[in-house]
Amino acid sequence: MTVPELALVRFPGRPAPSPQARLVVLGPSLGTSVTSLWSGVVRRLEGDFHVLGWDLPGHGASAPTDEPFTMAELAQGVLAALDRHRADADVDAVRERPFYYAGNSIGGCVGQQLLLDAPDRVRAAVLLGTAARVGEPAGWTERARLVAAAGTPTQVVGSARRWFAPGFIERDAVTTTGLLHDLQDADRFSYARACEALGAFDLREQLGGVRAPVLTVAGAHDAATPPGAVGVLAEAVGGRAVVLDGAAHLLPAEAPQDVARLLAGHFTAHPADAEGARA
């Protein structure tokens, strides 16, 4: 096992953050780049936030890997990427400073791991389309073998069905096409390793230790992580659960206005201390 080196991504078009801006870190879903998944939310996110995303190995801006990794090692990779990062030449480094986190699907699994493994770093979290255990290990093992052998295009049809609520593909062809191109372009071995990490992921007995404020968000049409499973996650961490009608699994892409509102409300309700607020 190894800690993967992950790329951080900036989102263009946001107002320049102040030195006191809250640092927000966004995590992707399996098969997507963080840019395609979250750009609509970032454009609509109101408030003084310094926003960064991270990409899975072999997805978006992150280099591919054929080395196995765990969810805990992905979380370590996120922290290591933040510790390498310098926000701007005239702004303090983000190393060791608390941040706000939002992640979808596997990005939400990483968020759960961060809440447990780095409680002093994560000030508050929004976990979307995720659960303490996602799917069954045998299913992830089968998918990993198929993709490693035949590539990520084998997942396009099934992912399109799981990712989007009925009618969304027709309503927003630009967003869906970009996300499905991300999936086709993802490195097959890195994708397979992420499947293995999901198959081994199970925090159902550990989440009582989470102390940061958590909001969970589910899509009413999500079959991969249905609202009931997302609600159980909220209960386990003492958080609040929200269900968005008209959405399925890729909530930031399907409901960017709603997700932006939920992030802004949750994060501003839990201000960092004066020292940690600087990003």
C-alpha atoms as a PDB file:
ATOM      1  CA  MET A   1       0.000   0.000   0.000  1.00  0.00           C
ATOM      2  CA  THR A   2       1.134   3.538  -0.683  1.00  0.00           C
ATOM      3  CA  VAL A   3       0.003   7.135  -0.256  1.00  0.00           C
ATOM      4  CA  PRO A   4      -0.831   8.408  -3.754  1.00  0.00           C
ATOM      5  CA  GLU A   5       0.391  11.829  -4.848  1.00  0.00           C
ATOM      6  CA  LEU A   6      -2.695  13.866  -5.662  1.00  0.00           C
ATOM      7  CA  ALA A   7      -3.014  17.064  -7.666  1.00  0.00           C
ATOM      8  CA  LEU A   8      -4.828  20.075  -6.281  1.00  0.00           C
ATOM      9  CA  VAL A   9      -7.031  22.041  -8.664  1.00  0.00           C
ATOM     10  CA  ARG A  10      -7.996  25.710  -8.632  1.00  0.00           C
ATOM     11  CA  PHE A  11     -11.348  26.862  -9.973  1.00  0.00           C
ATOM     12  CA  PRO A  12     -11.224  29.931 -12.230  1.00  0.00           C
ATOM     13  CA  GLY A  13     -13.754  32.694 -12.159  1.00  0.00           C
ATOM     14  CA  ARG A  14     -14.180  33.153  -8.416  1.00  0.00           C
ATOM     15  CA  PRO A  15     -13.511  36.505  -6.744  1.00  0.00           C
ATOM     16  CA  ALA A  16     -10.086  36.718  -5.140  1.00  0.00           C
ATOM     17  CA  PRO A  17     -10.410  35.497  -1.540  1.00  0.00           C
ATOM     18  CA  SER A  18      -9.399  37.684   1.366  1.00  0.00           C
ATOM     19  CA  PRO A  19      -6.548  36.634   3.684  1.00  0.00           C
ATOM     20  CA  GLN A  20      -9.258  35.554   6.159  1.00  0.00           C
ATOM     21  CA  ALA A  21     -11.168  33.438   3.641  1.00  0.00           C
ATOM     22  CA  ARG A  22     -12.305  29.999   4.715  1.00  0.00           C
ATOM     23  CA  LEU A  23     -10.429  27.269   2.863  1.00  0.00           C
ATOM     24  CA  VAL A  24     -12.849  24.818   1.201  1.00  0.00           C
ATOM     25  CA  VAL A  25     -11.544  21.519  -0.188  1.00  0.00           C
ATOM     26  CA  LEU A  26     -13.688  19.575  -2.672  1.00  0.00           C
ATOM     27  CA  GLY A  27     -13.453  15.866  -3.441  1.00  0.00           C
ATOM     28  CA  PRO A  28     -14.550  14.041  -6.638  1.00  0.00           C
ATOM     29  CA  SER A  29     -16.618  10.982  -7.425  1.00  0.00           C
ATOM     30  CA  LEU A  30     -15.141   7.846  -8.962  1.00  0.00           C
ATOM     31  CA  GLY A  31     -14.686   8.327 -12.706  1.00  0.00           C
ATOM     32  CA  THR A  32     -14.939  12.120 -12.622  1.00  0.00           C
ATOM     33  CA  SER A  33     -12.564  15.034 -12.477  1.00  0.00           C
ATOM     34  CA  VAL A  34     -13.191  17.442  -9.632  1.00  0.00           C
ATOM     35  CA  THR A  35     -13.434  20.273 -12.175  1.00  0.00           C
ATOM     36  CA  SER A  36     -16.268  18.734 -14.194  1.00  0.00           C
ATOM     37  CA  LEU A  37     -18.130  17.649 -11.084  1.00  0.00           C
ATOM     38  CA  TRP A  38     -17.852  20.797  -8.971  1.00  0.00           C
ATOM     39  CA  SER A  39     -17.420  23.805 -11.286  1.00  0.00           C
ATOM     40  CA  GLY A  40     -21.138  24.597 -11.337  1.00  0.00           C
ATOM     41  CA  VAL A  41     -21.219  24.693  -7.551  1.00  0.00           C
ATOM     42  CA  VAL A  42     -18.081  26.797  -7.284  1.00  0.00           C
ATOM     43  CA  ARG A  43     -19.492  29.411  -9.667  1.00  0.00           C
ATOM     44  CA  ARG A  44     -22.584  29.707  -7.479  1.00  0.00           C
ATOM     45  CA  LEU A  45     -20.894  29.522  -4.073  1.00  0.00           C
ATOM     46  CA  GLU A  46     -21.516  32.794  -2.287  1.00  0.00           C
ATOM     47  CA  GLY A  47     -19.148  33.998   0.419  1.00  0.00           C
ATOM     48  CA  ASP A  48     -15.490  34.575   1.136  1.00  0.00           C
ATOM     49  CA  PHE A  49     -14.054  31.144   0.348  1.00  0.00           C
ATOM     50  CA  HIS A  50     -10.721  29.965  -1.006  1.00  0.00           C
ATOM     51  CA  VAL A  51     -11.706  26.846  -2.985  1.00  0.00           C
ATOM     52  CA  LEU A  52      -9.448  23.978  -4.000  1.00  0.00           C
ATOM     53  CA  GLY A  53     -10.270  20.545  -5.377  1.00  0.00           C
ATOM     54  CA  TRP A  54      -8.320  17.310  -5.599  1.00  0.00           C
ATOM     55  CA  ASP A  55      -8.365  14.598  -8.245  1.00  0.00           C
ATOM     56  CA  LEU A  56      -8.199  10.832  -7.794  1.00  0.00           C
ATOM     57  CA  PRO A  57      -5.130   9.037  -9.167  1.00  0.00           C
ATOM     58  CA  GLY A  58      -5.382   8.760 -12.935  1.00  0.00           C
ATOM     59  CA  HIS A  59      -8.318  11.172 -13.063  1.00  0.00           C
ATOM     60  CA  GLY A  60      -8.220  14.826 -14.086  1.00  0.00           C
ATOM     61  CA  ALA A  61      -4.928  16.420 -13.084  1.00  0.00           C
ATOM     62  CA  SER A  62      -3.566  13.594 -10.904  1.00  0.00           C
ATOM     63  CA  ALA A  63      -0.944  11.186 -12.220  1.00  0.00           C
ATOM     64  CA  PRO A  64      -1.961   7.543 -12.670  1.00  0.00           C
ATOM     65  CA  THR A  65      -0.824   4.739 -10.413  1.00  0.00           C
ATOM     66  CA  ASP A  66      -0.999   0.952 -10.401  1.00  0.00           C
ATOM     67  CA  GLU A  67      -0.049   0.794  -6.735  1.00  0.00           C
ATOM     68  CA  PRO A  68      -2.830  -0.237  -4.337  1.00  0.00           C
ATOM     69  CA  PHE A  69      -4.051   2.287  -1.802  1.00  0.00           C
ATOM     70  CA  THR A  70      -6.609   2.425   0.974  1.00  0.00           C
ATOM     71  CA  MET A  71      -9.165   5.117   1.716  1.00  0.00           C
ATOM     72  CA  ALA A  72      -7.026   6.185   4.663  1.00  0.00           C
ATOM     73  CA  GLU A  73      -4.062   6.589   2.311  1.00  0.00           C
ATOM     74  CA  LEU A  74      -6.176   8.666  -0.076  1.00  0.00           C
ATOM     75  CA  ALA A  75      -7.009  10.908   2.882  1.00  0.00           C
ATOM     76  CA  GLN A  76      -3.299  11.162   3.698  1.00  0.00           C
ATOM     77  CA  GLY A  77      -2.698  12.102   0.070  1.00  0.00           C
ATOM     78  CA  VAL A  78      -5.187  14.959   0.358  1.00  0.00           C
ATOM     79  CA  LEU A  79      -3.448  16.285   3.478  1.00  0.00           C
ATOM     80  CA  ALA A  80      -0.036  15.934   1.858  1.00  0.00           C
ATOM     81  CA  ALA A  81      -1.220  17.841  -1.225  1.00  0.00           C
ATOM     82  CA  LEU A  82      -2.536  20.646   0.981  1.00  0.00           C
ATOM     83  CA  ASP A  83       0.705  20.759   2.903  1.00  0.00           C
ATOM     84  CA  ARG A  84       2.645  21.158  -0.350  1.00  0.00           C
ATOM     85  CA  HIS A  85       0.381  23.869  -1.608  1.00  0.00           C
ATOM     86  CA  ARG A  86       0.903  27.614  -1.364  1.00  0.00           C
ATOM     87  CA  ALA A  87      -2.346  29.448  -1.991  1.00  0.00           C
ATOM     88  CA  ASP A  88      -0.719  32.665  -3.326  1.00  0.00           C
ATOM     89  CA  ALA A  89       2.635  34.383  -3.038  1.00  0.00           C
ATOM     90  CA  ASP A  90       1.222  36.851  -0.509  1.00  0.00           C
ATOM     91  CA  VAL A  91      -0.961  34.455   1.487  1.00  0.00           C
ATOM     92  CA  ASP A  92       0.072  32.081   4.271  1.00  0.00           C
ATOM     93  CA  ALA A  93       0.538  28.392   3.489  1.00  0.00           C
ATOM     94  CA  VAL A  94      -2.397  26.107   4.239  1.00  0.00           C
ATOM     95  CA  ARG A  95      -0.211  23.639   6.115  1.00  0.00           C
ATOM     96  CA  GLU A  96      -1.726  22.564   9.414  1.00  0.00           C
ATOM     97  CA  ARG A  97      -4.602  25.020   9.123  1.00  0.00           C
ATOM     98  CA  PRO A  98      -8.197  23.824   9.437  1.00  0.00           C
ATOM     99  CA  PHE A  99     -10.321  23.606   6.318  1.00  0.00           C
ATOM    100  CA  TYR A 100     -13.896  22.894   5.298  1.00  0.00           C
ATOM    101  CA  TYR A 101     -14.489  19.769   3.261  1.00  0.00           C
ATOM    102  CA  ALA A 102     -17.124  18.589   0.786  1.00  0.00           C
ATOM    103  CA  GLY A 103     -16.919  15.358  -1.171  1.00  0.00           C
ATOM    104  CA  ASN A 104     -19.207  13.276  -3.362  1.00  0.00           C
ATOM    105  CA  SER A 105     -19.280   9.455  -3.394  1.00  0.00           C
ATOM    106  CA  ILE A 106     -15.660   8.284  -2.952  1.00  0.00           C
ATOM    107  CA  GLY A 107     -14.827  11.912  -2.185  1.00  0.00           C
ATOM    108  CA  GLY A 108     -17.306  11.635   0.685  1.00  0.00           C
ATOM    109  CA  CYS A 109     -15.646   8.421   1.861  1.00  0.00           C
ATOM    110  CA  VAL A 110     -12.352  10.297   1.980  1.00  0.00           C
ATOM    111  CA  GLY A 111     -14.153  13.029   3.905  1.00  0.00           C
ATOM    112  CA  GLN A 112     -15.249  10.504   6.528  1.00  0.00           C
ATOM    113  CA  GLN A 113     -11.687   9.260   6.816  1.00  0.00           C
ATOM    114  CA  LEU A 114     -10.371  12.813   7.226  1.00  0.00           C
ATOM    115  CA  LEU A 115     -12.919  13.498   9.969  1.00  0.00           C
ATOM    116  CA  LEU A 116     -11.572  10.518  11.900  1.00  0.00           C
ATOM    117  CA  ASP A 117      -7.876  10.716  11.076  1.00  0.00           C
ATOM    118  CA  ALA A 118      -7.348  14.486  11.076  1.00  0.00           C
ATOM    119  CA  PRO A 119      -9.948  15.898  13.483  1.00  0.00           C
ATOM    120  CA  ASP A 120      -7.897  19.037  14.082  1.00  0.00           C
ATOM    121  CA  ARG A 121      -7.761  19.825  10.365  1.00  0.00           C
ATOM    122  CA  VAL A 122     -11.409  19.473   9.291  1.00  0.00           C
ATOM    123  CA  ARG A 123     -13.612  22.230  10.711  1.00  0.00           C
ATOM    124  CA  ALA A 124     -16.900  21.059   9.141  1.00  0.00           C
ATOM    125  CA  ALA A 125     -17.905  18.717   6.327  1.00  0.00           C
ATOM    126  CA  VAL A 126     -20.638  18.171   3.754  1.00  0.00           C
ATOM    127  CA  LEU A 127     -20.779  14.553   2.579  1.00  0.00           C
ATOM    128  CA  LEU A 128     -22.806  13.937  -0.580  1.00  0.00           C
ATOM    129  CA  GLY A 129     -23.959  10.712  -2.195  1.00  0.00           C
ATOM    130  CA  THR A 130     -21.894   8.602   0.169  1.00  0.00           C
ATOM    131  CA  ALA A 131     -22.181   6.169   3.057  1.00  0.00           C
ATOM    132  CA  ALA A 132     -20.098   4.461   5.716  1.00  0.00           C
ATOM    133  CA  ARG A 133     -19.983   1.474   3.381  1.00  0.00           C
ATOM    134  CA  VAL A 134     -20.721   1.789  -0.323  1.00  0.00           C
ATOM    135  CA  GLY A 135     -21.868  -1.308  -2.161  1.00  0.00           C
ATOM    136  CA  GLU A 136     -20.487  -4.794  -1.560  1.00  0.00           C
ATOM    137  CA  PRO A 137     -16.829  -5.883  -1.710  1.00  0.00           C
ATOM    138  CA  ALA A 138     -17.496  -8.574  -4.314  1.00  0.00           C
ATOM    139  CA  GLY A 139     -19.053  -6.059  -6.664  1.00  0.00           C
ATOM    140  CA  TRP A 140     -16.070  -3.718  -6.398  1.00  0.00           C
ATOM    141  CA  THR A 141     -13.655  -6.610  -6.958  1.00  0.00           C
ATOM    142  CA  GLU A 142     -15.514  -7.624 -10.104  1.00  0.00           C
ATOM    143  CA  ARG A 143     -15.572  -4.065 -11.417  1.00  0.00           C
ATOM    144  CA  ALA A 144     -11.868  -3.586 -10.689  1.00  0.00           C
ATOM    145  CA  ARG A 145     -10.982  -6.710 -12.663  1.00  0.00           C
ATOM    146  CA  LEU A 146     -13.154  -5.716 -15.626  1.00  0.00           C
ATOM    147  CA  VAL A 147     -11.815  -2.174 -15.849  1.00  0.00           C
ATOM    148  CA  ALA A 148      -8.181  -3.228 -15.414  1.00  0.00           C
ATOM    149  CA  ALA A 149      -8.623  -5.669 -18.284  1.00  0.00           C
ATOM    150  CA  ALA A 150     -10.896  -3.744 -20.655  1.00  0.00           C
ATOM    151  CA  GLY A 151     -10.759  -0.082 -19.629  1.00  0.00           C
ATOM    152  CA  THR A 152     -13.126   2.535 -18.277  1.00  0.00           C
ATOM    153  CA  PRO A 153     -15.343   2.732 -21.415  1.00  0.00           C
ATOM    154  CA  THR A 154     -16.938  -0.477 -20.099  1.00  0.00           C
ATOM    155  CA  GLN A 155     -18.473   1.660 -17.344  1.00  0.00           C
ATOM    156  CA  VAL A 156     -20.026   4.432 -19.414  1.00  0.00           C
ATOM    157  CA  VAL A 157     -23.518   2.981 -19.918  1.00  0.00           C
ATOM    158  CA  GLY A 158     -23.919   1.781 -16.330  1.00  0.00           C
ATOM    159  CA  SER A 159     -22.507   4.979 -14.871  1.00  0.00           C
ATOM    160  CA  ALA A 160     -24.841   7.147 -16.950  1.00  0.00           C
ATOM    161  CA  ARG A 161     -27.766   5.227 -15.471  1.00  0.00           C
ATOM    162  CA  ARG A 162     -26.502   5.480 -11.894  1.00  0.00           C
ATOM    163  CA  TRP A 163     -25.145   9.006 -11.944  1.00  0.00           C
ATOM    164  CA  PHE A 164     -28.107  11.012 -13.201  1.00  0.00           C
ATOM    165  CA  ALA A 165     -31.786  11.321 -12.347  1.00  0.00           C
ATOM    166  CA  PRO A 166     -34.337  10.637 -15.112  1.00  0.00           C
ATOM    167  CA  GLY A 167     -34.337  13.385 -17.717  1.00  0.00           C
ATOM    168  CA  PHE A 168     -31.100  15.087 -16.617  1.00  0.00           C
ATOM    169  CA  ILE A 169     -29.022  13.906 -19.584  1.00  0.00           C
ATOM    170  CA  GLU A 170     -31.534  15.454 -21.971  1.00  0.00           C
ATOM    171  CA  ARG A 171     -31.748  18.680 -19.954  1.00  0.00           C
ATOM    172  CA  ASP A 172     -27.996  19.241 -19.617  1.00  0.00           C
ATOM    173  CA  ALA A 173     -26.061  17.459 -22.336  1.00  0.00           C
ATOM    174  CA  VAL A 174     -22.976  19.635 -21.826  1.00  0.00           C
ATOM    175  CA  THR A 175     -22.507  18.644 -18.174  1.00  0.00           C
ATOM    176  CA  THR A 176     -23.232  14.967 -18.729  1.00  0.00           C
ATOM    177  CA  THR A 177     -20.987  14.737 -21.787  1.00  0.00           C
ATOM    178  CA  GLY A 178     -18.091  16.296 -19.886  1.00  0.00           C
ATOM    179  CA  LEU A 179     -18.480  13.881 -16.986  1.00  0.00           C
ATOM    180  CA  LEU A 180     -18.762  10.824 -19.225  1.00  0.00           C
ATOM    181  CA  HIS A 181     -15.668  11.952 -21.150  1.00  0.00           C
ATOM    182  CA  ASP A 182     -13.848  12.148 -17.801  1.00  0.00           C
ATOM    183  CA  LEU A 183     -14.824   8.537 -17.176  1.00  0.00           C
ATOM    184  CA  GLN A 184     -13.625   7.352 -20.571  1.00  0.00           C
ATOM    185  CA  ASP A 185     -10.336   9.219 -20.134  1.00  0.00           C
ATOM    186  CA  ALA A 186      -9.608   7.940 -16.610  1.00  0.00           C
ATOM    187  CA  ASP A 187      -6.640   5.596 -16.276  1.00  0.00           C
ATOM    188  CA  ARG A 188      -7.982   2.064 -16.060  1.00  0.00           C
ATOM    189  CA  PHE A 189      -5.494   0.803 -13.470  1.00  0.00           C
ATOM    190  CA  SER A 190      -5.984   3.805 -11.198  1.00  0.00           C
ATOM    191  CA  TYR A 191      -9.755   3.394 -11.487  1.00  0.00           C
ATOM    192  CA  ALA A 192      -9.418  -0.277 -10.584  1.00  0.00           C
ATOM    193  CA  ARG A 193      -7.326   0.578  -7.514  1.00  0.00           C
ATOM    194  CA  ALA A 194      -9.985   3.054  -6.415  1.00  0.00           C
ATOM    195  CA  CYS A 195     -12.587   0.292  -6.750  1.00  0.00           C
ATOM    196  CA  GLU A 196     -10.466  -1.911  -4.502  1.00  0.00           C
ATOM    197  CA  ALA A 197     -10.239   0.875  -1.935  1.00  0.00           C
ATOM    198  CA  LEU A 198     -14.030   1.218  -1.981  1.00  0.00           C
ATOM    199  CA  GLY A 199     -14.415  -2.523  -1.557  1.00  0.00           C
ATOM    200  CA  ALA A 200     -12.290  -2.458   1.593  1.00  0.00           C
ATOM    201  CA  PHE A 201     -13.921   0.693   3.006  1.00  0.00           C
ATOM    202  CA  ASP A 202     -16.200   0.219   6.017  1.00  0.00           C
ATOM    203  CA  LEU A 203     -16.424   2.802   8.808  1.00  0.00           C
ATOM    204  CA  ARG A 204     -19.781   1.737  10.235  1.00  0.00           C
ATOM    205  CA  GLU A 205     -18.300   0.957  13.644  1.00  0.00           C
ATOM    206  CA  GLN A 206     -16.045   4.003  13.865  1.00  0.00           C
ATOM    207  CA  LEU A 207     -18.060   7.099  13.026  1.00  0.00           C
ATOM    208  CA  GLY A 208     -19.188   7.748  16.578  1.00  0.00           C
ATOM    209  CA  GLY A 209     -15.785   9.350  17.057  1.00  0.00           C
ATOM    210  CA  VAL A 210     -16.513  12.202  14.614  1.00  0.00           C
ATOM    211  CA  ARG A 211     -16.756  15.576  16.368  1.00  0.00           C
ATOM    212  CA  ALA A 212     -16.867  18.115  13.533  1.00  0.00           C
ATOM    213  CA  PRO A 213     -20.289  19.314  12.301  1.00  0.00           C
ATOM    214  CA  VAL A 214     -21.475  17.190   9.373  1.00  0.00           C
ATOM    215  CA  LEU A 215     -24.221  17.689   6.810  1.00  0.00           C
ATOM    216  CA  THR A 216     -25.096  14.746   4.558  1.00  0.00           C
ATOM    217  CA  VAL A 217     -26.876  15.158   1.226  1.00  0.00           C
ATOM    218  CA  ALA A 218     -28.615  12.436  -0.768  1.00  0.00           C
ATOM    219  CA  GLY A 219     -30.292  12.364  -4.156  1.00  0.00           C
ATOM    220  CA  ALA A 220     -33.851  11.074  -4.110  1.00  0.00           C
ATOM    221  CA  HIS A 221     -33.090   8.943  -7.217  1.00  0.00           C
ATOM    222  CA  ASP A 222     -29.707   7.633  -6.055  1.00  0.00           C
ATOM    223  CA  ALA A 223     -29.562   3.833  -6.216  1.00  0.00           C
ATOM    224  CA  ALA A 224     -25.840   3.618  -5.422  1.00  0.00           C
ATOM    225  CA  THR A 225     -26.103   5.442  -2.079  1.00  0.00           C
ATOM    226  CA  PRO A 226     -29.837   5.742  -1.418  1.00  0.00           C
ATOM    227  CA  PRO A 227     -31.257   8.324   0.973  1.00  0.00           C
ATOM    228  CA  GLY A 228     -31.677   5.733   3.710  1.00  0.00           C
ATOM    229  CA  ALA A 229     -27.967   4.894   3.716  1.00  0.00           C
ATOM    230  CA  VAL A 230     -26.999   8.566   3.665  1.00  0.00           C
ATOM    231  CA  GLY A 231     -29.389   9.195   6.549  1.00  0.00           C
ATOM    232  CA  VAL A 232     -27.764   6.416   8.564  1.00  0.00           C
ATOM    233  CA  LEU A 233     -24.413   8.128   7.993  1.00  0.00           C
ATOM    234  CA  ALA A 234     -25.824  11.415   9.297  1.00  0.00           C
ATOM    235  CA  GLU A 235     -27.163   9.680  12.390  1.00  0.00           C
ATOM    236  CA  ALA A 236     -23.828   7.953  13.024  1.00  0.00           C
ATOM    237  CA  VAL A 237     -21.918  11.251  13.069  1.00  0.00           C
ATOM    238  CA  GLY A 238     -24.605  13.237  14.858  1.00  0.00           C
ATOM    239  CA  GLY A 239     -25.233  15.332  11.772  1.00  0.00           C
ATOM    240  CA  ARG A 240     -28.152  16.499   9.667  1.00  0.00           C
ATOM    241  CA  ALA A 241     -29.427  14.843   6.481  1.00  0.00           C
ATOM    242  CA  VAL A 242     -30.936  16.533   3.413  1.00  0.00           C
ATOM    243  CA  VAL A 243     -32.526  14.828   0.401  1.00  0.00           C
ATOM    244  CA  LEU A 244     -32.610  16.649  -2.939  1.00  0.00           C
ATOM    245  CA  ASP A 245     -35.518  15.809  -5.211  1.00  0.00           C
ATOM    246  CA  GLY A 246     -34.750  15.451  -8.900  1.00  0.00           C
ATOM    247  CA  ALA A 247     -31.159  14.321  -8.326  1.00  0.00           C
ATOM    248  CA  ALA A 248     -29.363  10.986  -8.229  1.00  0.00           C
ATOM    249  CA  HIS A 249     -25.689  10.275  -7.483  1.00  0.00           C
ATOM    250  CA  LEU A 250     -23.661  13.199  -8.865  1.00  0.00           C
ATOM    251  CA  LEU A 251     -25.332  15.884  -6.787  1.00  0.00           C
ATOM    252  CA  PRO A 252     -22.854  18.741  -7.407  1.00  0.00           C
ATOM    253  CA  ALA A 253     -23.395  18.392 -11.156  1.00  0.00           C
ATOM    254  CA  GLU A 254     -27.132  17.778 -11.054  1.00  0.00           C
ATOM    255  CA  ALA A 255     -28.127  20.384  -8.444  1.00  0.00           C
ATOM    256  CA  PRO A 256     -25.310  22.961  -8.291  1.00  0.00           C
ATOM    257  CA  GLN A 257     -27.465  25.796  -6.939  1.00  0.00           C
ATOM    258  CA  ASP A 258     -28.860  23.690  -4.108  1.00  0.00           C
ATOM    259  CA  VAL A 259     -25.473  22.239  -3.257  1.00  0.00           C
ATOM    260  CA  ALA A 260     -23.816  25.676  -3.271  1.00  0.00           C
ATOM    261  CA  ARG A 261     -26.498  26.960  -0.895  1.00  0.00           C
ATOM    262  CA  LEU A 262     -26.060  24.006   1.439  1.00  0.00           C
ATOM    263  CA  LEU A 263     -22.262  24.353   1.501  1.00  0.00           C
ATOM    264  CA  ALA A 264     -22.350  28.092   2.184  1.00  0.00           C
ATOM    265  CA  GLY A 265     -24.930  27.703   4.922  1.00  0.00           C
ATOM    266  CA  HIS A 266     -23.156  24.849   6.670  1.00  0.00           C
ATOM    267  CA  PHE A 267     -19.678  26.310   6.485  1.00  0.00           C
ATOM    268  CA  THR A 268     -20.588  29.838   7.536  1.00  0.00           C
ATOM    269  CA  ALA A 269     -22.544  28.439  10.475  1.00  0.00           C
ATOM    270  CA  HIS A 270     -19.311  26.944  11.825  1.00  0.00           C
ATOM    271  CA  PRO A 271     -16.574  29.607  11.667  1.00  0.00           C
ATOM    272  CA  ALA A 272     -12.976  28.632  12.185  1.00  0.00           C
ATOM    273  CA  ASP A 273     -11.029  30.264  14.969  1.00  0.00           C
ATOM    274  CA  ALA A 274      -9.077  33.378  14.121  1.00  0.00           C
ATOM    275  CA  GLU A 275      -5.796  31.539  13.614  1.00  0.00           C
ATOM    276  CA  GLY A 276      -7.293  28.741  11.525  1.00  0.00           C
ATOM    277  CA  ALA A 277      -9.398  30.951   9.343  1.00  0.00           C
ATOM    278  CA  ARG A 278      -6.497  32.194   7.279  1.00  0.00           C
ATOM    279  CA  ALA A 279      -5.924  30.177   4.133  1.00  0.00           C
END
